[in-house]
Structure formats: structure tokens, C-alpha cells
Amino acid sequence: MKQTTKLDAVKDIIFGDEIHDFKQQLTELRSLIDTLLEQQDQSSRKFFKELNALKETQKNDLNNLLKRVDNLEANTADKTALGKTLVKLGQKLQNGQKK
């Protein structure tokens, strides 16, 4: 233990206040790094939250578009069936008038 004290005294004599300045700068750098890491973490969480919200919006928009396409296809099928029925009705009317 006596050796450690002498070693610390020699370090203090050789390096003096520089060691204290370096320790203070290192502490400040560690604090800055921790702050920046926290900010980066918050930014990442915000980004992924917004990304997930965007994905959900796009999914809903796509589902709504698919429903509209299905409705259009159903309307087209109904119009086609109606057209065929009208043609048949017209043919029956023509056949009935010929008699």
C-alpha cells in the first residue's frame, strides 16, 4: 500500500494538474456519449414508430382499394348479367311478335 501512495505521488509530481484535466475531459466525453446514445435511441424509436404507422396506413389503403376493385368487378358482372337478360328478353319479345 505504501508503494501505491508513492506511485500516486510520483504521478502527481510528473503529470500534475494534467491528470485531473484528462479525468475531467474523459468524464465529460462519457457524459456526452451517453447523451448522444440516448438521443439516437429516442430517434430510432420515433422513426420505427412512424414507419409502422405508415405501413399500417398503406395496408389499410391497399385493403380499401381491393374492396373497391371487388365492388367494380361485381358491378361489371351485374351489368353483364343484366345485358344478357335484356338480350334474351328482347329475343323473346321478337319471337312472340313473329307468331
C-alpha atoms as a PDB file:
ATOM      1  CA  MET A   1       0.000   0.000   0.000  1.00  0.00           C
ATOM      2  CA  LYS A   2       2.894   2.290   0.698  1.00  0.00           C
ATOM      3  CA  GLN A   3       4.132   1.654  -2.865  1.00  0.00           C
ATOM      4  CA  THR A   4       0.796   2.789  -4.320  1.00  0.00           C
ATOM      5  CA  THR A   5       0.896   6.021  -2.392  1.00  0.00           C
ATOM      6  CA  LYS A   6       4.435   6.730  -3.569  1.00  0.00           C
ATOM      7  CA  LEU A   7       3.458   5.881  -7.125  1.00  0.00           C
ATOM      8  CA  ASP A   8       0.494   8.246  -6.942  1.00  0.00           C
ATOM      9  CA  ALA A   9       2.747  10.965  -5.535  1.00  0.00           C
ATOM     10  CA  VAL A  10       5.251  10.485  -8.378  1.00  0.00           C
ATOM     11  CA  LYS A  11       2.433  10.595 -10.954  1.00  0.00           C
ATOM     12  CA  ASP A  12       1.122  13.769  -9.386  1.00  0.00           C
ATOM     13  CA  ILE A  13       4.564  15.354  -9.484  1.00  0.00           C
ATOM     14  CA  ILE A  14       5.222  14.369 -13.102  1.00  0.00           C
ATOM     15  CA  PHE A  15       1.793  14.980 -14.593  1.00  0.00           C
ATOM     16  CA  GLY A  16       0.313  17.353 -12.031  1.00  0.00           C
ATOM     17  CA  ASP A  17      -2.929  19.002 -12.993  1.00  0.00           C
ATOM     18  CA  GLU A  18      -2.915  17.394 -16.440  1.00  0.00           C
ATOM     19  CA  ILE A  19      -4.187  14.109 -14.994  1.00  0.00           C
ATOM     20  CA  HIS A  20      -7.074  15.910 -13.337  1.00  0.00           C
ATOM     21  CA  ASP A  21      -7.843  17.755 -16.575  1.00  0.00           C
ATOM     22  CA  PHE A  22      -7.755  14.481 -18.523  1.00  0.00           C
ATOM     23  CA  LYS A  23     -10.047  12.806 -15.989  1.00  0.00           C
ATOM     24  CA  GLN A  24     -12.472  15.735 -16.208  1.00  0.00           C
ATOM     25  CA  GLN A  25     -12.403  15.684 -20.019  1.00  0.00           C
ATOM     26  CA  LEU A  26     -12.913  11.927 -20.037  1.00  0.00           C
ATOM     27  CA  THR A  27     -15.878  12.284 -17.686  1.00  0.00           C
ATOM     28  CA  GLU A  28     -17.359  14.986 -19.921  1.00  0.00           C
ATOM     29  CA  LEU A  29     -16.833  12.829 -23.007  1.00  0.00           C
ATOM     30  CA  ARG A  30     -18.517   9.859 -21.357  1.00  0.00           C
ATOM     31  CA  SER A  31     -21.441  12.076 -20.415  1.00  0.00           C
ATOM     32  CA  LEU A  32     -21.677  13.429 -23.957  1.00  0.00           C
ATOM     33  CA  ILE A  33     -21.545   9.915 -25.417  1.00  0.00           C
ATOM     34  CA  ASP A  34     -24.312   8.769 -23.068  1.00  0.00           C
ATOM     35  CA  THR A  35     -26.437  11.765 -24.063  1.00  0.00           C
ATOM     36  CA  LEU A  36     -25.874  11.151 -27.767  1.00  0.00           C
ATOM     37  CA  LEU A  37     -26.669   7.456 -27.405  1.00  0.00           C
ATOM     38  CA  GLU A  38     -29.916   8.298 -25.629  1.00  0.00           C
ATOM     39  CA  GLN A  39     -30.840  10.796 -28.356  1.00  0.00           C
ATOM     40  CA  GLN A  40     -30.047   8.247 -31.039  1.00  0.00           C
ATOM     41  CA  ASP A  41     -32.145   5.643 -29.238  1.00  0.00           C
ATOM     42  CA  GLN A  42     -35.086   8.047 -28.998  1.00  0.00           C
ATOM     43  CA  SER A  43     -34.735   8.969 -32.668  1.00  0.00           C
ATOM     44  CA  SER A  44     -34.661   5.302 -33.655  1.00  0.00           C
ATOM     45  CA  ARG A  45     -37.760   4.522 -31.609  1.00  0.00           C
ATOM     46  CA  LYS A  46     -39.590   7.503 -33.119  1.00  0.00           C
ATOM     47  CA  PHE A  47     -38.538   6.505 -36.637  1.00  0.00           C
ATOM     48  CA  PHE A  48     -39.728   2.912 -36.244  1.00  0.00           C
ATOM     49  CA  LYS A  49     -42.984   4.063 -34.673  1.00  0.00           C
ATOM     50  CA  GLU A  50     -43.618   6.361 -37.646  1.00  0.00           C
ATOM     51  CA  LEU A  51     -42.563   3.620 -40.070  1.00  0.00           C
ATOM     52  CA  ASN A  52     -45.003   1.155 -38.511  1.00  0.00           C
ATOM     53  CA  ALA A  53     -47.778   3.757 -38.656  1.00  0.00           C
ATOM     54  CA  LEU A  54     -47.006   4.355 -42.330  1.00  0.00           C
ATOM     55  CA  LYS A  55     -47.043   0.623 -43.045  1.00  0.00           C
ATOM     56  CA  GLU A  56     -50.414   0.316 -41.306  1.00  0.00           C
ATOM     57  CA  THR A  57     -51.808   3.236 -43.312  1.00  0.00           C
ATOM     58  CA  GLN A  58     -50.578   1.712 -46.571  1.00  0.00           C
ATOM     59  CA  LYS A  59     -52.053  -1.651 -45.608  1.00  0.00           C
ATOM     60  CA  ASN A  60     -55.434  -0.036 -44.893  1.00  0.00           C
ATOM     61  CA  ASP A  61     -55.299   1.941 -48.142  1.00  0.00           C
ATOM     62  CA  LEU A  62     -54.494  -1.211 -50.095  1.00  0.00           C
ATOM     63  CA  ASN A  63     -57.346  -3.126 -48.444  1.00  0.00           C
ATOM     64  CA  ASN A  64     -59.755  -0.280 -49.258  1.00  0.00           C
ATOM     65  CA  LEU A  65     -58.540  -0.235 -52.854  1.00  0.00           C
ATOM     66  CA  LEU A  66     -59.000  -4.002 -53.148  1.00  0.00           C
ATOM     67  CA  LYS A  67     -62.558  -3.683 -51.817  1.00  0.00           C
ATOM     68  CA  ARG A  68     -63.302  -1.003 -54.399  1.00  0.00           C
ATOM     69  CA  VAL A  69     -61.892  -3.211 -57.166  1.00  0.00           C
ATOM     70  CA  ASP A  70     -64.046  -6.109 -55.949  1.00  0.00           C
ATOM     71  CA  ASN A  71     -67.118  -3.842 -55.991  1.00  0.00           C
ATOM     72  CA  LEU A  72     -66.286  -2.678 -59.514  1.00  0.00           C
ATOM     73  CA  GLU A  73     -65.894  -6.287 -60.651  1.00  0.00           C
ATOM     74  CA  ALA A  74     -69.203  -7.192 -59.018  1.00  0.00           C
ATOM     75  CA  ASN A  75     -70.920  -4.225 -60.712  1.00  0.00           C
ATOM     76  CA  THR A  76     -69.434  -5.247 -64.044  1.00  0.00           C
ATOM     77  CA  ALA A  77     -70.653  -8.806 -63.554  1.00  0.00           C
ATOM     78  CA  ASP A  78     -74.118  -7.483 -62.654  1.00  0.00           C
ATOM     79  CA  LYS A  79     -74.173  -5.288 -65.760  1.00  0.00           C
ATOM     80  CA  THR A  80     -73.081  -8.217 -67.915  1.00  0.00           C
ATOM     81  CA  ALA A  81     -75.834 -10.428 -66.474  1.00  0.00           C
ATOM     82  CA  LEU A  82     -78.360  -7.625 -66.917  1.00  0.00           C
ATOM     83  CA  GLY A  83     -77.247  -7.160 -70.529  1.00  0.00           C
ATOM     84  CA  LYS A  84     -77.664 -10.873 -71.272  1.00  0.00           C
ATOM     85  CA  THR A  85     -81.084 -10.898 -69.623  1.00  0.00           C
ATOM     86  CA  LEU A  86     -82.177  -7.888 -71.681  1.00  0.00           C
ATOM     87  CA  VAL A  87     -80.950  -9.581 -74.871  1.00  0.00           C
ATOM     88  CA  LYS A  88     -82.911 -12.735 -74.015  1.00  0.00           C
ATOM     89  CA  LEU A  89     -85.990 -10.677 -73.182  1.00  0.00           C
ATOM     90  CA  GLY A  90     -85.650  -8.805 -76.452  1.00  0.00           C
ATOM     91  CA  GLN A  91     -85.324 -12.099 -78.350  1.00  0.00           C
ATOM     92  CA  LYS A  92     -88.423 -13.494 -76.634  1.00  0.00           C
ATOM     93  CA  LEU A  93     -90.339 -10.342 -77.473  1.00  0.00           C
ATOM     94  CA  GLN A  94     -89.240 -10.589 -81.090  1.00  0.00           C
ATOM     95  CA  ASN A  95     -90.140 -14.285 -81.227  1.00  0.00           C
ATOM     96  CA  GLY A  96     -93.531 -13.534 -79.651  1.00  0.00           C
ATOM     97  CA  GLN A  97     -94.312 -10.815 -82.199  1.00  0.00           C
ATOM     98  CA  LYS A  98     -93.449 -13.073 -85.130  1.00  0.00           C
ATOM     99  CA  LYS A  99     -96.141 -15.551 -84.197  1.00  0.00           C
END
